[in-house]
Structures are given as C-alpha cells and as structure tokens.
Amino acid sequence: MPNNTMHPPRTRGPKLEAHQVIIRPLITEKGTHQSTHRHAFPFEVNRWANKDEIKAAVEDLFGVRVRKVRTQNRQGKKRRYRFRMGKLSNWKKAIVMLHPDSPPIEFF
C-alpha cells in the first residue's frame, strides 16, 4: 500500500545567501589553465551548498551564465602541530563551467 503523505524537501543546514555560498576562488596553476582553455573556474564553497545554490550564487555575484557545476568533498590533510598530529578541516570544492558566449570571470 503506497504512502500518500507529502514530505517537505530535504534540506541541510540554514538557508544561505549568495555571498555565503562562495567562500573564495582557488587560484592555482591547474585552475588558471582550466579557466583559459575550458571556461571552468574552481571555488571553495560552503559544505552545505548544493549545485543549484552554487550555480545561482555564481550567476548573481559575477553576472555570468553557468553551464555546469561539479562538486567534490575534500578531506582535510593531516598536519603536525608541535608534538602531535592534527587535521585540517574538510572542505568542499566546486568547478563551475561557463557558457561559451558568457564573459569570463576576472579575479585580478
């Protein structure tokens, strides 16, 4: 027998504003190469943000058209602090691909 009750959509964490979703751009050699050749720009994003929120935030903050968003949950590295081993925080990375007719994002 099917259950006909309506469930609210699943959400994680609080509702995020656009400036809370995008934490910082990742300026690396690989990211610079992807931005010039593939119109793909990497960002560190809030761990609670999903792909739709990331797409809306980039379009709102930078005024570009986003074609696709890929995300990765990155594990924090182990670091030595004096005599003990510590661990950096886990973080989320998003690679945002723009439409070919969209202007590129200028970080500098």
PDB file of N, CA and C in Angstrom:
ATOM      1  N   MET A   1       0.836  -1.169   0.000  1.00  0.00           N
ATOM      2  CA  MET A   1       0.000   0.000   0.000  1.00  0.00           C
ATOM      3  C   MET A   1       0.889   1.244   0.000  1.00  0.00           C
ATOM      4  N   PRO A   2       0.756   2.130  -1.009  1.00  0.00           N
ATOM      5  CA  PRO A   2       1.625   3.316  -1.086  1.00  0.00           C
ATOM      6  C   PRO A   2       1.259   4.348  -0.032  1.00  0.00           C
ATOM      7  N   ASN A   3       2.275   5.052   0.385  1.00  0.00           N
ATOM      8  CA  ASN A   3       2.106   6.117   1.366  1.00  0.00           C
ATOM      9  C   ASN A   3       1.900   7.425   0.616  1.00  0.00           C
ATOM     10  N   ASN A   4       0.742   8.041   0.758  1.00  0.00           N
ATOM     11  CA  ASN A   4       0.405   9.244   0.001  1.00  0.00           C
ATOM     12  C   ASN A   4       0.684  10.535   0.758  1.00  0.00           C
ATOM     13  N   THR A   5       1.404  10.479   1.861  1.00  0.00           N
ATOM     14  CA  THR A   5       1.692  11.703   2.600  1.00  0.00           C
ATOM     15  C   THR A   5       2.794  12.482   1.896  1.00  0.00           C
ATOM     16  N   MET A   6       2.651  13.785   1.887  1.00  0.00           N
ATOM     17  CA  MET A   6       3.641  14.656   1.240  1.00  0.00           C
ATOM     18  C   MET A   6       4.727  15.008   2.248  1.00  0.00           C
ATOM     19  N   HIS A   7       5.969  14.809   1.869  1.00  0.00           N
ATOM     20  CA  HIS A   7       7.091  15.150   2.714  1.00  0.00           C
ATOM     21  C   HIS A   7       7.729  16.433   2.205  1.00  0.00           C
ATOM     22  N   PRO A   8       8.179  17.316   3.095  1.00  0.00           N
ATOM     23  CA  PRO A   8       8.868  18.522   2.634  1.00  0.00           C
ATOM     24  C   PRO A   8      10.211  18.141   2.017  1.00  0.00           C
ATOM     25  N   PRO A   9      10.729  18.962   1.114  1.00  0.00           N
ATOM     26  CA  PRO A   9      12.030  18.642   0.502  1.00  0.00           C
ATOM     27  C   PRO A   9      13.131  18.622   1.548  1.00  0.00           C
ATOM     28  N   ARG A  10      14.090  17.734   1.354  1.00  0.00           N
ATOM     29  CA  ARG A  10      15.186  17.608   2.303  1.00  0.00           C
ATOM     30  C   ARG A  10      16.143  18.786   2.158  1.00  0.00           C
ATOM     31  N   THR A  11      16.481  19.378   3.269  1.00  0.00           N
ATOM     32  CA  THR A  11      17.447  20.470   3.267  1.00  0.00           C
ATOM     33  C   THR A  11      18.482  20.196   4.336  1.00  0.00           C
ATOM     34  N   ARG A  12      19.682  20.683   4.099  1.00  0.00           N
ATOM     35  CA  ARG A  12      20.756  20.562   5.080  1.00  0.00           C
ATOM     36  C   ARG A  12      21.191  21.953   5.488  1.00  0.00           C
ATOM     37  N   GLY A  13      21.199  22.207   6.762  1.00  0.00           N
ATOM     38  CA  GLY A  13      21.710  23.475   7.244  1.00  0.00           C
ATOM     39  C   GLY A  13      20.777  24.628   6.979  1.00  0.00           C
ATOM     40  N   PRO A  14      21.237  25.833   7.280  1.00  0.00           N
ATOM     41  CA  PRO A  14      20.397  27.023   7.108  1.00  0.00           C
ATOM     42  C   PRO A  14      20.334  27.461   5.644  1.00  0.00           C
ATOM     43  N   LYS A  15      19.406  28.364   5.358  1.00  0.00           N
ATOM     44  CA  LYS A  15      19.311  28.967   4.025  1.00  0.00           C
ATOM     45  C   LYS A  15      20.484  29.907   3.845  1.00  0.00           C
ATOM     46  N   LEU A  16      21.236  29.755   2.749  1.00  0.00           N
ATOM     47  CA  LEU A  16      22.466  30.519   2.536  1.00  0.00           C
ATOM     48  C   LEU A  16      22.248  31.628   1.508  1.00  0.00           C
ATOM     49  N   GLU A  17      22.852  32.768   1.755  1.00  0.00           N
ATOM     50  CA  GLU A  17      22.871  33.860   0.792  1.00  0.00           C
ATOM     51  C   GLU A  17      23.990  33.597  -0.218  1.00  0.00           C
ATOM     52  N   ALA A  18      24.001  34.347  -1.325  1.00  0.00           N
ATOM     53  CA  ALA A  18      24.988  34.124  -2.387  1.00  0.00           C
ATOM     54  C   ALA A  18      26.412  34.337  -1.888  1.00  0.00           C
ATOM     55  N   HIS A  19      26.626  35.355  -1.069  1.00  0.00           N
ATOM     56  CA  HIS A  19      27.979  35.621  -0.583  1.00  0.00           C
ATOM     57  C   HIS A  19      28.414  34.627   0.491  1.00  0.00           C
ATOM     58  N   GLN A  20      27.479  33.847   1.039  1.00  0.00           N
ATOM     59  CA  GLN A  20      27.827  32.805   1.996  1.00  0.00           C
ATOM     60  C   GLN A  20      28.134  31.480   1.303  1.00  0.00           C
ATOM     61  N   VAL A  21      27.648  31.301   0.096  1.00  0.00           N
ATOM     62  CA  VAL A  21      27.870  30.051  -0.645  1.00  0.00           C
ATOM     63  C   VAL A  21      29.303  30.005  -1.162  1.00  0.00           C
ATOM     64  N   ILE A  22      29.748  31.060  -1.832  1.00  0.00           N
ATOM     65  CA  ILE A  22      31.099  31.120  -2.394  1.00  0.00           C
ATOM     66  C   ILE A  22      32.037  31.649  -1.318  1.00  0.00           C
ATOM     67  N   ILE A  23      33.002  30.825  -0.893  1.00  0.00           N
ATOM     68  CA  ILE A  23      33.947  31.261   0.136  1.00  0.00           C
ATOM     69  C   ILE A  23      35.128  31.987  -0.498  1.00  0.00           C
ATOM     70  N   ARG A  24      35.764  31.365  -1.501  1.00  0.00           N
ATOM     71  CA  ARG A  24      36.898  32.018  -2.173  1.00  0.00           C
ATOM     72  C   ARG A  24      37.185  31.291  -3.479  1.00  0.00           C
ATOM     73  N   PRO A  25      37.773  31.990  -4.450  1.00  0.00           N
ATOM     74  CA  PRO A  25      38.236  31.295  -5.662  1.00  0.00           C
ATOM     75  C   PRO A  25      39.549  30.577  -5.365  1.00  0.00           C
ATOM     76  N   LEU A  26      39.781  29.488  -6.055  1.00  0.00           N
ATOM     77  CA  LEU A  26      41.021  28.734  -5.893  1.00  0.00           C
ATOM     78  C   LEU A  26      41.955  29.108  -7.034  1.00  0.00           C
ATOM     79  N   ILE A  27      42.957  29.909  -6.741  1.00  0.00           N
ATOM     80  CA  ILE A  27      43.906  30.377  -7.744  1.00  0.00           C
ATOM     81  C   ILE A  27      45.104  29.433  -7.727  1.00  0.00           C
ATOM     82  N   THR A  28      45.119  28.483  -8.646  1.00  0.00           N
ATOM     83  CA  THR A  28      46.220  27.540  -8.778  1.00  0.00           C
ATOM     84  C   THR A  28      46.624  27.481 -10.243  1.00  0.00           C
ATOM     85  N   GLU A  29      47.726  26.812 -10.514  1.00  0.00           N
ATOM     86  CA  GLU A  29      48.167  26.676 -11.900  1.00  0.00           C
ATOM     87  C   GLU A  29      47.154  25.876 -12.710  1.00  0.00           C
ATOM     88  N   LYS A  30      46.647  24.807 -12.131  1.00  0.00           N
ATOM     89  CA  LYS A  30      45.653  23.996 -12.824  1.00  0.00           C
ATOM     90  C   LYS A  30      44.349  24.769 -13.040  1.00  0.00           C
ATOM     91  N   GLY A  31      43.909  25.520 -12.021  1.00  0.00           N
ATOM     92  CA  GLY A  31      42.695  26.308 -12.149  1.00  0.00           C
ATOM     93  C   GLY A  31      42.818  27.401 -13.199  1.00  0.00           C
ATOM     94  N   THR A  32      43.980  28.024 -13.281  1.00  0.00           N
ATOM     95  CA  THR A  32      44.208  29.053 -14.294  1.00  0.00           C
ATOM     96  C   THR A  32      44.178  28.449 -15.695  1.00  0.00           C
ATOM     97  N   HIS A  33      44.755  27.275 -15.843  1.00  0.00           N
ATOM     98  CA  HIS A  33      44.741  26.588 -17.145  1.00  0.00           C
ATOM     99  C   HIS A  33      43.314  26.229 -17.544  1.00  0.00           C
ATOM    100  N   GLN A  34      42.521  25.714 -16.594  1.00  0.00           N
ATOM    101  CA  GLN A  34      41.136  25.356 -16.898  1.00  0.00           C
ATOM    102  C   GLN A  34      40.299  26.587 -17.234  1.00  0.00           C
ATOM    103  N   SER A  35      40.580  27.709 -16.583  1.00  0.00           N
ATOM    104  CA  SER A  35      39.788  28.902 -16.848  1.00  0.00           C
ATOM    105  C   SER A  35      40.062  29.465 -18.235  1.00  0.00           C
ATOM    106  N   THR A  36      41.305  29.352 -18.712  1.00  0.00           N
ATOM    107  CA  THR A  36      41.622  29.901 -20.024  1.00  0.00           C
ATOM    108  C   THR A  36      41.228  28.959 -21.162  1.00  0.00           C
ATOM    109  N   HIS A  37      41.308  27.656 -20.949  1.00  0.00           N
ATOM    110  CA  HIS A  37      41.055  26.710 -22.039  1.00  0.00           C
ATOM    111  C   HIS A  37      39.669  26.082 -22.014  1.00  0.00           C
ATOM    112  N   ARG A  38      39.062  25.937 -20.830  1.00  0.00           N
ATOM    113  CA  ARG A  38      37.782  25.231 -20.744  1.00  0.00           C
ATOM    114  C   ARG A  38      36.656  26.074 -20.153  1.00  0.00           C
ATOM    115  N   HIS A  39      36.891  27.326 -19.856  1.00  0.00           N
ATOM    116  CA  HIS A  39      35.894  28.206 -19.217  1.00  0.00           C
ATOM    117  C   HIS A  39      35.391  27.584 -17.920  1.00  0.00           C
ATOM    118  N   ALA A  40      36.297  26.960 -17.144  1.00  0.00           N
ATOM    119  CA  ALA A  40      35.953  26.339 -15.863  1.00  0.00           C
ATOM    120  C   ALA A  40      36.710  27.055 -14.744  1.00  0.00           C
ATOM    121  N   PHE A  41      35.999  27.426 -13.705  1.00  0.00           N
ATOM    122  CA  PHE A  41      36.577  28.198 -12.611  1.00  0.00           C
ATOM    123  C   PHE A  41      36.348  27.467 -11.295  1.00  0.00           C
ATOM    124  N   PRO A  42      37.424  27.165 -10.548  1.00  0.00           N
ATOM    125  CA  PRO A  42      37.259  26.461  -9.266  1.00  0.00           C
ATOM    126  C   PRO A  42      37.030  27.431  -8.107  1.00  0.00           C
ATOM    127  N   PHE A  43      36.179  27.011  -7.173  1.00  0.00           N
ATOM    128  CA  PHE A  43      35.874  27.798  -5.979  1.00  0.00           C
ATOM    129  C   PHE A  43      35.844  26.879  -4.765  1.00  0.00           C
ATOM    130  N   GLU A  44      36.197  27.438  -3.603  1.00  0.00           N
ATOM    131  CA  GLU A  44      35.882  26.769  -2.353  1.00  0.00           C
ATOM    132  C   GLU A  44      34.503  27.263  -1.943  1.00  0.00           C
ATOM    133  N   VAL A  45      33.607  26.332  -1.645  1.00  0.00           N
ATOM    134  CA  VAL A  45      32.222  26.690  -1.358  1.00  0.00           C
ATOM    135  C   VAL A  45      31.815  26.148   0.014  1.00  0.00           C
ATOM    136  N   ASN A  46      30.693  26.626   0.506  1.00  0.00           N
ATOM    137  CA  ASN A  46      30.147  26.176   1.775  1.00  0.00           C
ATOM    138  C   ASN A  46      29.782  24.702   1.674  1.00  0.00           C
ATOM    139  N   ARG A  47      30.063  23.938   2.722  1.00  0.00           N
ATOM    140  CA  ARG A  47      29.826  22.493   2.685  1.00  0.00           C
ATOM    141  C   ARG A  47      28.348  22.147   2.616  1.00  0.00           C
ATOM    142  N   TRP A  48      27.454  23.044   3.017  1.00  0.00           N
ATOM    143  CA  TRP A  48      26.021  22.787   2.958  1.00  0.00           C
ATOM    144  C   TRP A  48      25.420  23.151   1.609  1.00  0.00           C
ATOM    145  N   ALA A  49      26.143  23.833   0.739  1.00  0.00           N
ATOM    146  CA  ALA A  49      25.593  24.302  -0.534  1.00  0.00           C
ATOM    147  C   ALA A  49      25.483  23.145  -1.528  1.00  0.00           C
ATOM    148  N   ASN A  50      24.384  23.128  -2.289  1.00  0.00           N
ATOM    149  CA  ASN A  50      24.238  22.137  -3.345  1.00  0.00           C
ATOM    150  C   ASN A  50      24.538  22.786  -4.697  1.00  0.00           C
ATOM    151  N   LYS A  51      24.458  21.998  -5.762  1.00  0.00           N
ATOM    152  CA  LYS A  51      24.849  22.504  -7.081  1.00  0.00           C
ATOM    153  C   LYS A  51      23.958  23.641  -7.565  1.00  0.00           C
ATOM    154  N   ASP A  52      22.662  23.566  -7.289  1.00  0.00           N
ATOM    155  CA  ASP A  52      21.756  24.633  -7.714  1.00  0.00           C
ATOM    156  C   ASP A  52      22.062  25.946  -6.995  1.00  0.00           C
ATOM    157  N   GLU A  53      22.372  25.885  -5.705  1.00  0.00           N
ATOM    158  CA  GLU A  53      22.710  27.092  -4.954  1.00  0.00           C
ATOM    159  C   GLU A  53      24.039  27.682  -5.424  1.00  0.00           C
ATOM    160  N   ILE A  54      24.997  26.820  -5.757  1.00  0.00           N
ATOM    161  CA  ILE A  54      26.292  27.300  -6.249  1.00  0.00           C
ATOM    162  C   ILE A  54      26.118  27.995  -7.590  1.00  0.00           C
ATOM    163  N   LYS A  55      25.325  27.402  -8.477  1.00  0.00           N
ATOM    164  CA  LYS A  55      25.072  27.995  -9.797  1.00  0.00           C
ATOM    165  C   LYS A  55      24.402  29.364  -9.650  1.00  0.00           C
ATOM    166  N   ALA A  56      23.389  29.454  -8.802  1.00  0.00           N
ATOM    167  CA  ALA A  56      22.689  30.726  -8.614  1.00  0.00           C
ATOM    168  C   ALA A  56      23.606  31.775  -7.998  1.00  0.00           C
ATOM    169  N   ALA A  57      24.474  31.377  -7.068  1.00  0.00           N
ATOM    170  CA  ALA A  57      25.377  32.328  -6.422  1.00  0.00           C
ATOM    171  C   ALA A  57      26.401  32.883  -7.401  1.00  0.00           C
ATOM    172  N   VAL A  58      26.979  32.027  -8.249  1.00  0.00           N
ATOM    173  CA  VAL A  58      27.976  32.496  -9.222  1.00  0.00           C
ATOM    174  C   VAL A  58      27.321  33.418 -10.245  1.00  0.00           C
ATOM    175  N   GLU A  59      26.135  33.066 -10.717  1.00  0.00           N
ATOM    176  CA  GLU A  59      25.447  33.924 -11.682  1.00  0.00           C
ATOM    177  C   GLU A  59      25.092  35.274 -11.059  1.00  0.00           C
ATOM    178  N   ASP A  60      24.721  35.272  -9.781  1.00  0.00           N
ATOM    179  CA  ASP A  60      24.345  36.512  -9.114  1.00  0.00           C
ATOM    180  C   ASP A  60      25.561  37.386  -8.813  1.00  0.00           C
ATOM    181  N   LEU A  61      26.635  36.796  -8.278  1.00  0.00           N
ATOM    182  CA  LEU A  61      27.795  37.580  -7.860  1.00  0.00           C
ATOM    183  C   LEU A  61      28.649  38.074  -9.025  1.00  0.00           C
ATOM    184  N   PHE A  62      28.796  37.256 -10.070  1.00  0.00           N
ATOM    185  CA  PHE A  62      29.717  37.599 -11.157  1.00  0.00           C
ATOM    186  C   PHE A  62      29.024  37.999 -12.453  1.00  0.00           C
ATOM    187  N   GLY A  63      27.711  37.844 -12.559  1.00  0.00           N
ATOM    188  CA  GLY A  63      26.985  38.257 -13.760  1.00  0.00           C
ATOM    189  C   GLY A  63      27.348  37.441 -14.986  1.00  0.00           C
ATOM    190  N   VAL A  64      27.449  36.118 -14.848  1.00  0.00           N
ATOM    191  CA  VAL A  64      27.799  35.232 -15.955  1.00  0.00           C
ATOM    192  C   VAL A  64      26.721  34.160 -16.086  1.00  0.00           C
ATOM    193  N   ARG A  65      26.766  33.405 -17.194  1.00  0.00           N
ATOM    194  CA  ARG A  65      25.854  32.277 -17.393  1.00  0.00           C
ATOM    195  C   ARG A  65      26.606  30.982 -17.116  1.00  0.00           C
ATOM    196  N   VAL A  66      26.106  30.181 -16.196  1.00  0.00           N
ATOM    197  CA  VAL A  66      26.750  28.926 -15.803  1.00  0.00           C
ATOM    198  C   VAL A  66      26.127  27.780 -16.583  1.00  0.00           C
ATOM    199  N   ARG A  67      26.992  26.941 -17.158  1.00  0.00           N
ATOM    200  CA  ARG A  67      26.524  25.783 -17.905  1.00  0.00           C
ATOM    201  C   ARG A  67      26.440  24.546 -17.022  1.00  0.00           C
ATOM    202  N   LYS A  68      27.440  24.341 -16.152  1.00  0.00           N
ATOM    203  CA  LYS A  68      27.515  23.108 -15.388  1.00  0.00           C
ATOM    204  C   LYS A  68      28.322  23.340 -14.112  1.00  0.00           C
ATOM    205  N   VAL A  69      27.984  22.611 -13.059  1.00  0.00           N
ATOM    206  CA  VAL A  69      28.707  22.687 -11.791  1.00  0.00           C
ATOM    207  C   VAL A  69      29.079  21.270 -11.375  1.00  0.00           C
ATOM    208  N   ARG A  70      30.360  21.075 -11.051  1.00  0.00           N
ATOM    209  CA  ARG A  70      30.831  19.801 -10.497  1.00  0.00           C
ATOM    210  C   ARG A  70      31.355  20.069  -9.103  1.00  0.00           C
ATOM    211  N   THR A  71      31.070  19.179  -8.160  1.00  0.00           N
ATOM    212  CA  THR A  71      31.492  19.388  -6.780  1.00  0.00           C
ATOM    213  C   THR A  71      32.313  18.207  -6.285  1.00  0.00           C
ATOM    214  N   GLN A  72      33.166  18.502  -5.312  1.00  0.00           N
ATOM    215  CA  GLN A  72      33.992  17.486  -4.660  1.00  0.00           C
ATOM    216  C   GLN A  72      34.019  17.792  -3.177  1.00  0.00           C
ATOM    217  N   ASN A  73      33.883  16.765  -2.351  1.00  0.00           N
ATOM    218  CA  ASN A  73      34.098  16.910  -0.916  1.00  0.00           C
ATOM    219  C   ASN A  73      35.524  16.492  -0.636  1.00  0.00           C
ATOM    220  N   ARG A  74      36.351  17.438  -0.209  1.00  0.00           N
ATOM    221  CA  ARG A  74      37.777  17.191   0.004  1.00  0.00           C
ATOM    222  C   ARG A  74      38.055  16.887   1.468  1.00  0.00           C
ATOM    223  N   GLN A  75      38.900  15.902   1.711  1.00  0.00           N
ATOM    224  CA  GLN A  75      39.293  15.541   3.065  1.00  0.00           C
ATOM    225  C   GLN A  75      40.416  16.464   3.535  1.00  0.00           C
ATOM    226  N   GLY A  76      40.355  16.852   4.792  1.00  0.00           N
ATOM    227  CA  GLY A  76      41.404  17.694   5.356  1.00  0.00           C
ATOM    228  C   GLY A  76      42.700  16.916   5.523  1.00  0.00           C
ATOM    229  N   LYS A  77      43.814  17.601   5.314  1.00  0.00           N
ATOM    230  CA  LYS A  77      45.120  16.947   5.426  1.00  0.00           C
ATOM    231  C   LYS A  77      45.545  16.840   6.880  1.00  0.00           C
ATOM    232  N   LYS A  78      46.403  15.868   7.143  1.00  0.00           N
ATOM    233  CA  LYS A  78      46.984  15.747   8.477  1.00  0.00           C
ATOM    234  C   LYS A  78      48.205  16.646   8.551  1.00  0.00           C
ATOM    235  N   ARG A  79      48.305  17.382   9.645  1.00  0.00           N
ATOM    236  CA  ARG A  79      49.412  18.297   9.862  1.00  0.00           C
ATOM    237  C   ARG A  79      49.974  18.076  11.253  1.00  0.00           C
ATOM    238  N   ARG A  80      51.253  18.340  11.393  1.00  0.00           N
ATOM    239  CA  ARG A  80      51.886  18.201  12.695  1.00  0.00           C
ATOM    240  C   ARG A  80      51.845  19.539  13.418  1.00  0.00           C
ATOM    241  N   TYR A  81      51.344  19.540  14.632  1.00  0.00           N
ATOM    242  CA  TYR A  81      51.330  20.708  15.489  1.00  0.00           C
ATOM    243  C   TYR A  81      52.179  20.395  16.719  1.00  0.00           C
ATOM    244  N   ARG A  82      53.372  20.945  16.764  1.00  0.00           N
ATOM    245  CA  ARG A  82      54.343  20.696  17.836  1.00  0.00           C
ATOM    246  C   ARG A  82      54.609  19.204  17.967  1.00  0.00           C
ATOM    247  N   PHE A  83      54.087  18.560  18.987  1.00  0.00           N
ATOM    248  CA  PHE A  83      54.404  17.149  19.221  1.00  0.00           C
ATOM    249  C   PHE A  83      53.252  16.232  18.849  1.00  0.00           C
ATOM    250  N   ARG A  84      52.203  16.768  18.279  1.00  0.00           N
ATOM    251  CA  ARG A  84      51.025  15.964  17.987  1.00  0.00           C
ATOM    252  C   ARG A  84      50.662  16.079  16.523  1.00  0.00           C
ATOM    253  N   MET A  85      49.862  15.125  16.072  1.00  0.00           N
ATOM    254  CA  MET A  85      49.306  15.198  14.726  1.00  0.00           C
ATOM    255  C   MET A  85      47.908  15.798  14.808  1.00  0.00           C
ATOM    256  N   GLY A  86      47.665  16.787  13.995  1.00  0.00           N
ATOM    257  CA  GLY A  86      46.345  17.407  13.920  1.00  0.00           C
ATOM    258  C   GLY A  86      45.766  17.175  12.532  1.00  0.00           C
ATOM    259  N   LYS A  87      44.589  17.715  12.292  1.00  0.00           N
ATOM    260  CA  LYS A  87      43.925  17.529  10.997  1.00  0.00           C
ATOM    261  C   LYS A  87      43.261  18.834  10.597  1.00  0.00           C
ATOM    262  N   LEU A  88      43.474  19.251   9.362  1.00  0.00           N
ATOM    263  CA  LEU A  88      42.788  20.422   8.843  1.00  0.00           C
ATOM    264  C   LEU A  88      41.329  20.070   8.562  1.00  0.00           C
ATOM    265  N   SER A  89      40.489  21.051   8.479  1.00  0.00           N
ATOM    266  CA  SER A  89      39.059  20.827   8.269  1.00  0.00           C
ATOM    267  C   SER A  89      38.788  20.288   6.873  1.00  0.00           C
ATOM    268  N   ASN A  90      37.744  19.478   6.752  1.00  0.00           N
ATOM    269  CA  ASN A  90      37.258  19.061   5.450  1.00  0.00           C
ATOM    270  C   ASN A  90      36.625  20.272   4.767  1.00  0.00           C
ATOM    271  N   TRP A  91      36.625  20.266   3.423  1.00  0.00           N
ATOM    272  CA  TRP A  91      36.072  21.398   2.693  1.00  0.00           C
ATOM    273  C   TRP A  91      35.470  20.919   1.384  1.00  0.00           C
ATOM    274  N   LYS A  92      34.718  21.785   0.742  1.00  0.00           N
ATOM    275  CA  LYS A  92      34.028  21.437  -0.499  1.00  0.00           C
ATOM    276  C   LYS A  92      34.536  22.308  -1.631  1.00  0.00           C
ATOM    277  N   LYS A  93      34.792  21.686  -2.754  1.00  0.00           N
ATOM    278  CA  LYS A  93      35.310  22.368  -3.942  1.00  0.00           C
ATOM    279  C   LYS A  93      34.275  22.276  -5.047  1.00  0.00           C
ATOM    280  N   ALA A  94      34.077  23.368  -5.766  1.00  0.00           N
ATOM    281  CA  ALA A  94      33.151  23.383  -6.896  1.00  0.00           C
ATOM    282  C   ALA A  94      33.885  23.897  -8.124  1.00  0.00           C
ATOM    283  N   ILE A  95      33.725  23.193  -9.246  1.00  0.00           N
ATOM    284  CA  ILE A  95      34.269  23.640 -10.527  1.00  0.00           C
ATOM    285  C   ILE A  95      33.082  24.084 -11.373  1.00  0.00           C
ATOM    286  N   VAL A  96      33.048  25.368 -11.693  1.00  0.00           N
ATOM    287  CA  VAL A  96      31.922  25.980 -12.390  1.00  0.00           C
ATOM    288  C   VAL A  96      32.312  26.191 -13.841  1.00  0.00           C
ATOM    289  N   MET A  97      31.568  25.580 -14.753  1.00  0.00           N
ATOM    290  CA  MET A  97      31.815  25.757 -16.186  1.00  0.00           C
ATOM    291  C   MET A  97      30.824  26.785 -16.736  1.00  0.00           C
ATOM    292  N   LEU A  98      31.341  27.728 -17.513  1.00  0.00           N
ATOM    293  CA  LEU A  98      30.519  28.795 -18.077  1.00  0.00           C
ATOM    294  C   LEU A  98      30.128  28.474 -19.511  1.00  0.00           C
ATOM    295  N   HIS A  99      29.044  29.111 -19.973  1.00  0.00           N
ATOM    296  CA  HIS A  99      28.656  29.006 -21.375  1.00  0.00           C
ATOM    297  C   HIS A  99      29.729  29.654 -22.243  1.00  0.00           C
ATOM    298  N   PRO A 100      29.917  29.162 -23.466  1.00  0.00           N
ATOM    299  CA  PRO A 100      30.941  29.761 -24.340  1.00  0.00           C
ATOM    300  C   PRO A 100      30.695  31.235 -24.653  1.00  0.00           C
ATOM    301  N   ASP A 101      29.425  31.656 -24.700  1.00  0.00           N
ATOM    302  CA  ASP A 101      29.120  33.060 -25.005  1.00  0.00           C
ATOM    303  C   ASP A 101      29.149  33.957 -23.770  1.00  0.00           C
ATOM    304  N   SER A 102      29.389  33.378 -22.595  1.00  0.00           N
ATOM    305  CA  SER A 102      29.431  34.158 -21.352  1.00  0.00           C
ATOM    306  C   SER A 102      30.800  34.805 -21.186  1.00  0.00           C
ATOM    307  N   PRO A 103      30.873  36.008 -20.638  1.00  0.00           N
ATOM    308  CA  PRO A 103      32.176  36.624 -20.385  1.00  0.00           C
ATOM    309  C   PRO A 103      32.920  35.865 -19.281  1.00  0.00           C
ATOM    310  N   PRO A 104      34.242  35.824 -19.326  1.00  0.00           N
ATOM    311  CA  PRO A 104      34.988  35.110 -18.273  1.00  0.00           C
ATOM    312  C   PRO A 104      34.954  35.887 -16.962  1.00  0.00           C
ATOM    313  N   ILE A 105      35.219  35.171 -15.872  1.00  0.00           N
ATOM    314  CA  ILE A 105      35.278  35.785 -14.545  1.00  0.00           C
ATOM    315  C   ILE A 105      36.692  36.322 -14.352  1.00  0.00           C
ATOM    316  N   GLU A 106      36.805  37.605 -13.997  1.00  0.00           N
ATOM    317  CA  GLU A 106      38.109  38.227 -13.789  1.00  0.00           C
ATOM    318  C   GLU A 106      38.391  38.308 -12.296  1.00  0.00           C
ATOM    319  N   PHE A 107      39.455  37.649 -11.845  1.00  0.00           N
ATOM    320  CA  PHE A 107      39.822  37.689 -10.437  1.00  0.00           C
ATOM    321  C   PHE A 107      40.858  38.750 -10.140  1.00  0.00           C
ATOM    322  N   PHE A 108      41.615  39.181 -11.147  1.00  0.00           N
ATOM    323  CA  PHE A 108      42.672  40.160 -10.924  1.00  0.00           C
ATOM    324  C   PHE A 108      42.355  41.455 -11.619  1.00  0.00           C
TER     325      PHE A 108
END
